[in-house]
Amino acid sequence: MSRRQPANTKRALFAATSAGFVAVFALHSVSPAGRKVALPSTTTTTPGSTQTTGPTTTVSGATRSAVGANEQFGYGTIAVKVTVQGSQILAVSVANIQTLESYSQSLAQQVDPILTSEAMSAQSANIQSVSGASYTSAGFAQSLQSALSQLGI
């Protein structure tokens, strides 16, 4: 014998579930308005290399690094550090990531190695977005491009 729930109970359950989904989606769609903070750029060179002020000059043997702007990506902010030698990207890493919730932090930590690998393969900020993490991917690419621009690449 099966017990059927009254229609009012089903509607109430559906309404409560819908309200929960709306609240979660609303949280994810809101980003801190007007708060775009740039990390101070850091450009370093290895001993014996030359760096000039003004327009960036590329010395083929110099290893240089820069941290891109802190980019908002929907669930927080991300800044990417890049190390280059000449115009070749040697290393890419996440210098700073701040998320609004722990799930977003966990997701970002999972996709960072993928995005880093994409950047190394592409040798540019023109990288493939990771499915399910399109906002994080876009923020990563924008910050990476910012760092590359600081280095004149």
C-alpha atoms as a PDB file:
ATOM      1  CA  MET A   1       0.000   0.000   0.000  1.00  0.00           C
ATOM      2  CA  SER A   2       1.511   3.296  -1.031  1.00  0.00           C
ATOM      3  CA  ARG A   3       1.084   6.537   0.855  1.00  0.00           C
ATOM      4  CA  ARG A   4       0.388   9.546  -1.277  1.00  0.00           C
ATOM      5  CA  GLN A   5       1.307  12.975  -0.076  1.00  0.00           C
ATOM      6  CA  PRO A   6      -1.347  15.637  -0.308  1.00  0.00           C
ATOM      7  CA  ALA A   7      -0.920  18.125  -3.157  1.00  0.00           C
ATOM      8  CA  ASN A   8      -0.320  20.966  -0.677  1.00  0.00           C
ATOM      9  CA  THR A   9       2.637  19.123   0.852  1.00  0.00           C
ATOM     10  CA  LYS A  10       4.165  18.516  -2.585  1.00  0.00           C
ATOM     11  CA  ARG A  11       3.743  22.187  -3.512  1.00  0.00           C
ATOM     12  CA  ALA A  12       5.310  23.301  -0.252  1.00  0.00           C
ATOM     13  CA  LEU A  13       8.251  20.929  -0.744  1.00  0.00           C
ATOM     14  CA  PHE A  14       8.686  22.120  -4.339  1.00  0.00           C
ATOM     15  CA  ALA A  15       8.537  25.780  -3.244  1.00  0.00           C
ATOM     16  CA  ALA A  16      11.115  25.219  -0.496  1.00  0.00           C
ATOM     17  CA  THR A  17      13.450  23.379  -2.876  1.00  0.00           C
ATOM     18  CA  SER A  18      13.059  26.086  -5.519  1.00  0.00           C
ATOM     19  CA  ALA A  19      13.758  28.809  -2.964  1.00  0.00           C
ATOM     20  CA  GLY A  20      16.942  26.993  -1.934  1.00  0.00           C
ATOM     21  CA  PHE A  21      18.170  26.789  -5.528  1.00  0.00           C
ATOM     22  CA  VAL A  22      17.365  30.437  -6.133  1.00  0.00           C
ATOM     23  CA  ALA A  23      19.332  31.409  -3.022  1.00  0.00           C
ATOM     24  CA  VAL A  24      22.371  29.389  -4.129  1.00  0.00           C
ATOM     25  CA  PHE A  25      22.282  30.801  -7.658  1.00  0.00           C
ATOM     26  CA  ALA A  26      21.818  34.318  -6.335  1.00  0.00           C
ATOM     27  CA  LEU A  27      24.891  33.904  -4.130  1.00  0.00           C
ATOM     28  CA  HIS A  28      26.972  32.761  -7.093  1.00  0.00           C
ATOM     29  CA  SER A  29      25.780  35.508  -9.425  1.00  0.00           C
ATOM     30  CA  VAL A  30      26.635  38.344  -7.048  1.00  0.00           C
ATOM     31  CA  SER A  31      30.190  39.583  -7.042  1.00  0.00           C
ATOM     32  CA  PRO A  32      31.619  42.295  -4.843  1.00  0.00           C
ATOM     33  CA  ALA A  33      30.740  45.389  -6.870  1.00  0.00           C
ATOM     34  CA  GLY A  34      33.438  47.860  -7.645  1.00  0.00           C
ATOM     35  CA  ARG A  35      36.148  46.014  -5.750  1.00  0.00           C
ATOM     36  CA  LYS A  36      38.886  45.322  -8.208  1.00  0.00           C
ATOM     37  CA  VAL A  37      42.191  45.372  -6.433  1.00  0.00           C
ATOM     38  CA  ALA A  38      45.447  45.071  -8.297  1.00  0.00           C
ATOM     39  CA  LEU A  39      48.342  43.356  -6.648  1.00  0.00           C
ATOM     40  CA  PRO A  40      51.558  45.306  -6.829  1.00  0.00           C
ATOM     41  CA  SER A  41      53.476  44.139  -9.847  1.00  0.00           C
ATOM     42  CA  THR A  42      56.737  42.463  -9.122  1.00  0.00           C
ATOM     43  CA  THR A  43      59.332  42.192 -11.807  1.00  0.00           C
ATOM     44  CA  THR A  44      62.547  40.441 -10.927  1.00  0.00           C
ATOM     45  CA  THR A  45      65.655  39.536 -12.835  1.00  0.00           C
ATOM     46  CA  THR A  46      68.351  37.019 -12.224  1.00  0.00           C
ATOM     47  CA  PRO A  47      71.829  38.182 -11.201  1.00  0.00           C
ATOM     48  CA  GLY A  48      73.829  39.449 -14.136  1.00  0.00           C
ATOM     49  CA  SER A  49      70.790  40.328 -16.248  1.00  0.00           C
ATOM     50  CA  THR A  50      69.816  43.806 -17.313  1.00  0.00           C
ATOM     51  CA  GLN A  51      66.466  45.507 -16.924  1.00  0.00           C
ATOM     52  CA  THR A  52      65.710  49.014 -18.044  1.00  0.00           C
ATOM     53  CA  THR A  53      63.009  51.382 -16.924  1.00  0.00           C
ATOM     54  CA  GLY A  54      60.547  52.725 -19.457  1.00  0.00           C
ATOM     55  CA  PRO A  55      59.701  50.481 -22.398  1.00  0.00           C
ATOM     56  CA  THR A  56      60.408  46.858 -21.628  1.00  0.00           C
ATOM     57  CA  THR A  57      63.419  45.400 -23.355  1.00  0.00           C
ATOM     58  CA  THR A  58      63.841  41.682 -23.609  1.00  0.00           C
ATOM     59  CA  VAL A  59      67.216  40.243 -22.787  1.00  0.00           C
ATOM     60  CA  SER A  60      67.351  36.689 -24.078  1.00  0.00           C
ATOM     61  CA  GLY A  61      69.087  35.287 -20.998  1.00  0.00           C
ATOM     62  CA  ALA A  62      67.158  37.204 -18.352  1.00  0.00           C
ATOM     63  CA  THR A  63      64.634  35.349 -16.244  1.00  0.00           C
ATOM     64  CA  ARG A  64      61.850  37.707 -15.247  1.00  0.00           C
ATOM     65  CA  SER A  65      58.643  37.301 -13.237  1.00  0.00           C
ATOM     66  CA  ALA A  66      55.472  39.331 -12.825  1.00  0.00           C
ATOM     67  CA  VAL A  67      52.211  38.956 -10.954  1.00  0.00           C
ATOM     68  CA  GLY A  68      49.113  39.852 -12.933  1.00  0.00           C
ATOM     69  CA  ALA A  69      46.255  41.998 -11.710  1.00  0.00           C
ATOM     70  CA  ASN A  70      43.823  40.540  -9.191  1.00  0.00           C
ATOM     71  CA  GLU A  71      40.911  39.602 -11.481  1.00  0.00           C
ATOM     72  CA  GLN A  72      37.348  39.048 -10.316  1.00  0.00           C
ATOM     73  CA  PHE A  73      35.933  35.804 -11.636  1.00  0.00           C
ATOM     74  CA  GLY A  74      32.396  35.619 -10.257  1.00  0.00           C
ATOM     75  CA  TYR A  75      33.202  33.641  -7.111  1.00  0.00           C
ATOM     76  CA  GLY A  76      36.207  35.626  -5.895  1.00  0.00           C
ATOM     77  CA  THR A  77      39.481  37.006  -7.190  1.00  0.00           C
ATOM     78  CA  ILE A  78      42.584  35.431  -8.676  1.00  0.00           C
ATOM     79  CA  ALA A  79      46.096  36.656  -9.497  1.00  0.00           C
ATOM     80  CA  VAL A  80      48.561  34.680 -11.607  1.00  0.00           C
ATOM     81  CA  LYS A  81      52.363  34.791 -11.490  1.00  0.00           C
ATOM     82  CA  VAL A  82      54.372  34.089 -14.620  1.00  0.00           C
ATOM     83  CA  THR A  83      58.107  33.576 -15.054  1.00  0.00           C
ATOM     84  CA  VAL A  84      59.652  34.024 -18.483  1.00  0.00           C
ATOM     85  CA  GLN A  85      63.034  33.870 -20.123  1.00  0.00           C
ATOM     86  CA  GLY A  86      63.083  36.057 -23.191  1.00  0.00           C
ATOM     87  CA  SER A  87      59.579  35.487 -24.546  1.00  0.00           C
ATOM     88  CA  GLN A  88      59.336  31.858 -23.431  1.00  0.00           C
ATOM     89  CA  ILE A  89      57.063  31.095 -20.473  1.00  0.00           C
ATOM     90  CA  LEU A  90      59.001  28.989 -17.970  1.00  0.00           C
ATOM     91  CA  ALA A  91      56.479  28.794 -15.132  1.00  0.00           C
ATOM     92  CA  VAL A  92      52.923  29.810 -14.302  1.00  0.00           C
ATOM     93  CA  SER A  93      51.369  29.654 -10.846  1.00  0.00           C
ATOM     94  CA  VAL A  94      48.508  31.136  -8.863  1.00  0.00           C
ATOM     95  CA  ALA A  95      49.951  33.902  -6.700  1.00  0.00           C
ATOM     96  CA  ASN A  96      46.715  34.742  -4.895  1.00  0.00           C
ATOM     97  CA  ILE A  97      43.187  33.370  -4.863  1.00  0.00           C
ATOM     98  CA  GLN A  98      40.332  34.444  -2.644  1.00  0.00           C
ATOM     99  CA  THR A  99      36.921  32.849  -2.950  1.00  0.00           C
ATOM    100  CA  LEU A 100      33.546  33.584  -1.436  1.00  0.00           C
ATOM    101  CA  GLU A 101      32.985  30.014  -0.274  1.00  0.00           C
ATOM    102  CA  SER A 102      34.827  26.759   0.333  1.00  0.00           C
ATOM    103  CA  TYR A 103      33.303  24.955  -2.675  1.00  0.00           C
ATOM    104  CA  SER A 104      34.661  27.615  -5.028  1.00  0.00           C
ATOM    105  CA  GLN A 105      38.077  27.334  -3.342  1.00  0.00           C
ATOM    106  CA  SER A 106      38.043  23.569  -3.848  1.00  0.00           C
ATOM    107  CA  LEU A 107      37.007  23.901  -7.496  1.00  0.00           C
ATOM    108  CA  ALA A 108      39.687  26.514  -8.156  1.00  0.00           C
ATOM    109  CA  GLN A 109      42.357  24.288  -6.606  1.00  0.00           C
ATOM    110  CA  GLN A 110      41.280  21.454  -8.908  1.00  0.00           C
ATOM    111  CA  VAL A 111      41.382  23.507 -12.116  1.00  0.00           C
ATOM    112  CA  ASP A 112      44.543  25.544 -11.396  1.00  0.00           C
ATOM    113  CA  PRO A 113      46.905  22.734 -12.517  1.00  0.00           C
ATOM    114  CA  ILE A 114      44.866  22.283 -15.697  1.00  0.00           C
ATOM    115  CA  LEU A 115      44.930  26.007 -16.483  1.00  0.00           C
ATOM    116  CA  THR A 116      48.657  26.166 -15.699  1.00  0.00           C
ATOM    117  CA  SER A 117      49.286  23.282 -18.099  1.00  0.00           C
ATOM    118  CA  GLU A 118      47.179  25.000 -20.772  1.00  0.00           C
ATOM    119  CA  ALA A 119      49.190  28.215 -20.386  1.00  0.00           C
ATOM    120  CA  MET A 120      52.484  26.352 -20.613  1.00  0.00           C
ATOM    121  CA  SER A 121      51.349  24.502 -23.747  1.00  0.00           C
ATOM    122  CA  ALA A 122      49.955  27.635 -25.416  1.00  0.00           C
ATOM    123  CA  GLN A 123      52.893  29.815 -24.295  1.00  0.00           C
ATOM    124  CA  SER A 124      50.340  32.616 -23.988  1.00  0.00           C
ATOM    125  CA  ALA A 125      47.133  33.617 -22.208  1.00  0.00           C
ATOM    126  CA  ASN A 126      45.104  32.231 -25.109  1.00  0.00           C
ATOM    127  CA  ILE A 127      44.059  29.096 -23.222  1.00  0.00           C
ATOM    128  CA  GLN A 128      41.130  26.699 -23.318  1.00  0.00           C
ATOM    129  CA  SER A 129      38.492  27.198 -20.646  1.00  0.00           C
ATOM    130  CA  VAL A 130      37.917  24.323 -18.233  1.00  0.00           C
ATOM    131  CA  SER A 131      34.373  22.969 -18.462  1.00  0.00           C
ATOM    132  CA  GLY A 132      32.497  23.717 -15.253  1.00  0.00           C
ATOM    133  CA  ALA A 133      34.964  26.419 -14.270  1.00  0.00           C
ATOM    134  CA  SER A 134      34.509  28.996 -17.006  1.00  0.00           C
ATOM    135  CA  TYR A 135      34.574  31.999 -14.638  1.00  0.00           C
ATOM    136  CA  THR A 136      37.759  30.786 -12.942  1.00  0.00           C
ATOM    137  CA  SER A 137      39.297  30.079 -16.359  1.00  0.00           C
ATOM    138  CA  ALA A 138      38.472  33.577 -17.604  1.00  0.00           C
ATOM    139  CA  GLY A 139      39.902  35.237 -14.476  1.00  0.00           C
ATOM    140  CA  PHE A 140      43.047  33.107 -14.736  1.00  0.00           C
ATOM    141  CA  ALA A 141      43.551  34.042 -18.400  1.00  0.00           C
ATOM    142  CA  GLN A 142      42.957  37.758 -17.754  1.00  0.00           C
ATOM    143  CA  SER A 143      45.432  37.857 -14.880  1.00  0.00           C
ATOM    144  CA  LEU A 144      47.963  35.866 -16.911  1.00  0.00           C
ATOM    145  CA  GLN A 145      47.620  38.333 -19.787  1.00  0.00           C
ATOM    146  CA  SER A 146      48.129  41.198 -17.342  1.00  0.00           C
ATOM    147  CA  ALA A 147      51.367  39.636 -16.093  1.00  0.00           C
ATOM    148  CA  LEU A 148      52.587  38.954 -19.630  1.00  0.00           C
ATOM    149  CA  SER A 149      51.812  42.553 -20.610  1.00  0.00           C
ATOM    150  CA  GLN A 150      53.878  43.819 -17.678  1.00  0.00           C
ATOM    151  CA  LEU A 151      56.774  41.812 -19.070  1.00  0.00           C
ATOM    152  CA  GLY A 152      56.252  43.134 -22.577  1.00  0.00           C
ATOM    153  CA  ILE A 153      55.108  39.804 -24.005  1.00  0.00           C
END
